[in-house]
Amino acid sequence: MPPKLDSDSDTVRLQLVAPASWAARVDDWRRQQVAIPSRSEAIRALVEKALDDAQSQDESS
């Protein structure tokens, strides 16, 4: 399940403008999850995964 924000976390609101095709890809990914996350949860999960993957690549270089 994608990460939800815990009540103890400091938060920052980010506004994002993206092409409709990009939003459709996020929505397609959401529908493939066992428990369908909100669009916000899906974006948080995808960004977190990308950042973790990038960090792993940096560490292995």
Protein backbone atom coordinates (compact mmCIF):
# COMPACT_ATOMS: atom_id res chain seq x y z
CA MET A 1 0.00 0.00 0.00
CA PRO A 2 1.37 3.45 -0.83
CA PRO A 3 2.55 5.62 2.02
CA LYS A 4 0.01 7.74 3.85
CA LEU A 5 1.02 10.82 5.73
CA ASP A 6 1.21 10.32 9.45
CA SER A 7 -0.22 13.00 11.68
CA ASP A 8 3.21 13.77 13.19
CA SER A 9 4.82 14.68 9.86
CA ASP A 10 5.40 18.26 8.81
CA THR A 11 3.74 18.73 5.44
CA VAL A 12 4.13 21.07 2.50
CA ARG A 13 1.45 21.51 -0.15
CA LEU A 14 2.83 21.10 -3.65
CA GLN A 15 0.79 22.13 -6.64
CA LEU A 16 1.52 20.40 -9.88
CA VAL A 17 0.54 21.00 -13.46
CA ALA A 18 0.95 17.97 -15.72
CA PRO A 19 -0.25 16.78 -19.10
CA ALA A 20 -3.46 14.76 -19.10
CA SER A 21 -1.49 11.79 -20.45
CA TRP A 22 0.76 11.87 -17.38
CA ALA A 23 -2.24 11.94 -15.04
CA ALA A 24 -3.72 9.02 -16.96
CA ARG A 25 -0.53 7.01 -16.39
CA VAL A 26 -0.73 7.73 -12.65
CA ASP A 27 -4.39 6.67 -12.64
CA ASP A 28 -3.54 3.47 -14.55
CA TRP A 29 -0.87 2.66 -11.95
CA ARG A 30 -3.35 3.35 -9.13
CA ARG A 31 -5.86 0.88 -10.58
CA GLN A 32 -3.21 -1.84 -10.65
CA GLN A 33 -2.72 -1.64 -6.87
CA VAL A 34 -4.51 -4.06 -4.54
CA ALA A 35 -6.00 -1.21 -2.52
CA ILE A 36 -6.54 1.71 -4.90
CA PRO A 37 -4.77 4.74 -3.40
CA SER A 38 -5.88 8.31 -3.85
CA ARG A 39 -4.12 10.19 -6.59
CA SER A 40 -2.09 12.06 -3.95
CA GLU A 41 -1.02 8.82 -2.27
CA ALA A 42 -0.10 7.34 -5.64
CA ILE A 43 2.06 10.31 -6.57
CA ARG A 44 3.79 10.23 -3.16
CA ALA A 45 4.48 6.49 -3.58
CA LEU A 46 5.82 6.88 -7.12
CA VAL A 47 8.04 9.84 -6.24
CA GLU A 48 9.36 8.05 -3.14
CA LYS A 49 10.17 4.96 -5.22
CA ALA A 50 11.94 7.04 -7.86
CA LEU A 51 13.99 8.87 -5.21
CA ASP A 52 14.91 5.59 -3.49
CA ASP A 53 15.93 4.06 -6.84
CA ALA A 54 18.01 7.13 -7.72
CA GLN A 55 19.74 7.02 -4.32
CA SER A 56 20.51 3.32 -4.76
CA GLN A 57 22.02 4.01 -8.19
CA ASP A 58 24.13 6.84 -6.77
CA GLU A 59 25.40 4.62 -3.95
CA SER A 60 26.33 1.79 -6.32
CA SER A 61 28.31 4.10 -8.63
